[in-house]
Amino acid sequence: MAKGRNQRLRFKRRRNAETDYHRRSRMLRGGVPRAVVRVSNTQVTCQLVAYDPEGDRVLESITGKSLVDSHKWPSDASRKSVPACYLAGFAMATSAVSSGHSQAIMDIGLAASSAGNRAYAALKGMIDAGMEIPHSEEVLPSEERINGEHIGEGIAKAVATTKKSIGGGK
């Protein structure tokens, strides 16, 4: 730990491995809102966040709990699975596009980035809802995983029902 007279202490959020300030400054320079995806132990959270000098402003927000409460997602189903993440991203982007926000950049924070993970399932939902987010097609999960076919037939039906209640048709 830096304790000497000539040593400088790092920012607290960097010491606690919560923020990569170099990556954050690169994202903020573009002036485009960030599509933030965080997966906790129990649910997913998708937010559209705009930078403000006095603190970031959350423009739109959807959690796994709001999927259950407002969008007909089964209460006994996982709120952080690949289909739940896809639907959370889809719901967030649908409300963002309807309120005039059509562009964003993806922000997964310090989470590990592997192709087809839950954060990229949320990204696929945002893209399907009509948001323009720079991405590579190789990182997106397959349609079978997004529809929940790897989990069971009941989840596949729940995905279709929930997507219809959000306003996605199909």
Protein backbone atom coordinates (compact mmCIF):
# COMPACT_ATOMS: atom_id res chain seq x y z
CA MET A 1 0.00 0.00 0.00
CA ALA A 2 1.29 3.46 -0.84
CA LYS A 3 2.22 5.14 2.43
CA GLY A 4 5.46 6.96 1.78
CA ARG A 5 5.83 10.71 1.40
CA ASN A 6 6.35 10.56 -2.36
CA GLN A 7 3.85 7.85 -3.15
CA ARG A 8 0.38 8.62 -4.37
CA LEU A 9 -2.68 6.63 -3.35
CA ARG A 10 -4.92 5.34 -6.14
CA PHE A 11 -8.60 6.28 -6.26
CA LYS A 12 -10.70 4.21 -3.88
CA ARG A 13 -12.92 2.65 -6.59
CA ARG A 14 -9.78 1.60 -8.47
CA ARG A 15 -8.19 0.10 -5.34
CA ASN A 16 -11.37 -1.89 -4.71
CA ALA A 17 -11.42 -3.06 -8.37
CA GLU A 18 -14.78 -1.39 -9.04
CA THR A 19 -13.89 1.11 -11.79
CA ASP A 20 -11.43 1.16 -14.68
CA TYR A 21 -11.04 4.92 -15.08
CA HIS A 22 -9.09 4.68 -18.33
CA ARG A 23 -11.88 2.69 -20.03
CA ARG A 24 -14.55 4.93 -18.50
CA SER A 25 -12.91 8.12 -19.84
CA ARG A 26 -12.68 6.58 -23.33
CA MET A 27 -16.40 5.74 -23.24
CA LEU A 28 -17.41 9.18 -22.00
CA ARG A 29 -15.44 11.04 -24.67
CA GLY A 30 -17.88 9.91 -27.38
CA GLY A 31 -20.82 11.77 -25.83
CA VAL A 32 -23.14 8.80 -26.46
CA PRO A 33 -25.13 7.23 -23.59
CA ARG A 34 -23.84 3.95 -22.17
CA ALA A 35 -25.92 0.76 -22.19
CA VAL A 36 -24.88 -0.65 -18.81
CA VAL A 37 -25.44 -4.35 -18.09
CA ARG A 38 -24.75 -5.82 -14.66
CA VAL A 39 -25.52 -9.39 -13.61
CA SER A 40 -25.75 -9.94 -9.86
CA ASN A 41 -26.25 -13.16 -7.90
CA THR A 42 -30.02 -12.98 -8.30
CA GLN A 43 -30.93 -10.83 -11.31
CA VAL A 44 -29.84 -8.72 -14.26
CA THR A 45 -29.95 -4.93 -14.44
CA CYS A 46 -29.93 -3.06 -17.75
CA GLN A 47 -29.67 0.73 -17.75
CA LEU A 48 -29.18 3.51 -20.25
CA VAL A 49 -26.88 6.01 -18.54
CA ALA A 50 -25.86 9.48 -19.74
CA TYR A 51 -22.86 11.38 -18.41
CA ASP A 52 -23.46 14.53 -16.39
CA PRO A 53 -20.63 16.48 -14.68
CA GLU A 54 -22.56 16.35 -11.40
CA GLY A 55 -23.11 12.58 -11.69
CA ASP A 56 -24.35 10.08 -14.23
CA ARG A 57 -28.07 10.20 -15.08
CA VAL A 58 -30.05 6.98 -15.55
CA LEU A 59 -32.35 7.49 -18.54
CA GLU A 60 -33.97 4.02 -18.62
CA SER A 61 -33.71 1.04 -16.30
CA ILE A 62 -35.02 -2.54 -16.27
CA THR A 63 -34.23 -5.24 -13.70
CA GLY A 64 -35.07 -8.91 -13.44
CA LYS A 65 -37.69 -8.03 -10.83
CA SER A 66 -39.45 -5.62 -13.21
CA LEU A 67 -39.60 -8.44 -15.79
CA VAL A 68 -41.64 -10.45 -13.31
CA ASP A 69 -43.75 -7.52 -12.12
CA SER A 70 -44.55 -5.84 -15.43
CA HIS A 71 -43.78 -8.16 -18.33
CA LYS A 72 -45.23 -11.63 -17.54
CA TRP A 73 -41.89 -13.36 -16.86
CA PRO A 74 -42.56 -16.42 -14.63
CA SER A 75 -41.80 -15.67 -10.98
CA ASP A 76 -40.20 -19.08 -10.44
CA ALA A 77 -37.84 -18.70 -13.43
CA SER A 78 -34.30 -17.35 -13.14
CA ARG A 79 -33.99 -13.57 -13.43
CA LYS A 80 -30.37 -13.76 -14.58
CA SER A 81 -30.46 -16.51 -17.21
CA VAL A 82 -29.56 -15.88 -20.84
CA PRO A 83 -33.25 -15.50 -21.88
CA ALA A 84 -33.95 -13.16 -18.93
CA CYS A 85 -30.93 -11.02 -19.84
CA TYR A 86 -32.08 -10.88 -23.46
CA LEU A 87 -35.58 -9.79 -22.44
CA ALA A 88 -34.25 -7.19 -19.98
CA GLY A 89 -32.10 -5.69 -22.74
CA PHE A 90 -35.03 -5.82 -25.16
CA ALA A 91 -37.38 -4.10 -22.69
CA MET A 92 -34.84 -1.40 -21.80
CA ALA A 93 -34.09 -0.66 -25.45
CA THR A 94 -37.78 -0.60 -26.40
CA SER A 95 -38.48 2.09 -23.81
CA ALA A 96 -35.28 3.95 -24.72
CA VAL A 97 -36.10 4.02 -28.44
CA SER A 98 -39.64 5.19 -27.72
CA SER A 99 -38.24 8.07 -25.63
CA GLY A 100 -35.83 9.13 -28.40
CA HIS A 101 -32.55 7.41 -27.51
CA SER A 102 -31.48 5.27 -30.44
CA GLN A 103 -27.69 5.05 -29.95
CA ALA A 104 -25.51 3.74 -27.15
CA ILE A 105 -22.24 2.01 -26.40
CA MET A 106 -22.00 -1.19 -24.39
CA ASP A 107 -20.61 -1.04 -20.84
CA ILE A 108 -20.13 -4.36 -19.03
CA GLY A 109 -17.84 -2.90 -16.38
CA LEU A 110 -15.15 -5.16 -14.98
CA ALA A 111 -17.07 -8.35 -15.80
CA ALA A 112 -15.28 -11.01 -17.83
CA SER A 113 -15.96 -10.74 -21.54
CA SER A 114 -16.56 -14.10 -23.21
CA ALA A 115 -18.56 -14.73 -26.36
CA GLY A 116 -22.19 -15.64 -25.77
CA ASN A 117 -22.35 -14.64 -22.09
CA ARG A 118 -25.35 -13.02 -20.39
CA ALA A 119 -24.16 -9.45 -20.98
CA TYR A 120 -24.04 -10.12 -24.70
CA ALA A 121 -27.51 -11.69 -24.53
CA ALA A 122 -28.74 -8.32 -23.21
CA LEU A 123 -26.84 -6.62 -26.05
CA LYS A 124 -28.66 -8.84 -28.56
CA GLY A 125 -31.98 -7.79 -27.00
CA MET A 126 -31.06 -4.12 -27.32
CA ILE A 127 -30.09 -4.57 -30.96
CA ASP A 128 -33.30 -6.49 -31.75
CA ALA A 129 -35.32 -3.65 -30.20
CA GLY A 130 -33.78 -1.15 -32.63
CA MET A 131 -30.84 0.45 -30.79
CA GLU A 132 -27.61 1.12 -32.66
CA ILE A 133 -24.75 -0.30 -30.58
CA PRO A 134 -21.32 -1.08 -32.06
CA HIS A 135 -20.59 -4.80 -31.69
CA SER A 136 -19.19 -7.88 -33.35
CA GLU A 137 -21.58 -10.64 -34.45
CA GLU A 138 -19.23 -13.30 -33.03
CA VAL A 139 -19.91 -12.34 -29.40
CA LEU A 140 -23.70 -12.73 -29.57
CA PRO A 141 -25.25 -15.95 -28.20
CA SER A 142 -27.10 -18.36 -30.48
CA GLU A 143 -30.86 -18.15 -31.04
CA GLU A 144 -31.38 -21.46 -29.20
CA ARG A 145 -29.81 -20.04 -26.04
CA ILE A 146 -31.69 -16.74 -26.33
CA ASN A 147 -35.01 -18.55 -26.71
CA GLY A 148 -34.24 -20.78 -23.72
CA GLU A 149 -34.33 -24.06 -25.62
CA HIS A 150 -31.26 -25.22 -23.67
CA ILE A 151 -33.24 -24.80 -20.41
CA GLY A 152 -36.63 -26.25 -21.30
CA GLU A 153 -39.78 -25.94 -23.32
CA GLY A 154 -41.55 -23.91 -20.62
CA ILE A 155 -38.90 -21.18 -20.74
CA ALA A 156 -39.12 -21.01 -24.53
CA LYS A 157 -42.86 -20.33 -24.24
CA ALA A 158 -42.25 -17.78 -21.48
CA VAL A 159 -39.73 -15.93 -23.67
CA ALA A 160 -42.29 -15.66 -26.49
CA THR A 161 -45.04 -14.49 -24.10
CA THR A 162 -42.82 -11.95 -22.37
CA LYS A 163 -41.45 -10.58 -25.63
CA LYS A 164 -45.01 -10.14 -26.88
CA SER A 165 -45.99 -8.25 -23.69
CA ILE A 166 -42.98 -5.95 -24.10
CA GLY A 167 -44.09 -5.16 -27.63
CA GLY A 168 -41.79 -7.29 -29.73
CA GLY A 169 -44.33 -9.36 -31.61
CA LYS A 170 -43.10 -12.65 -33.12
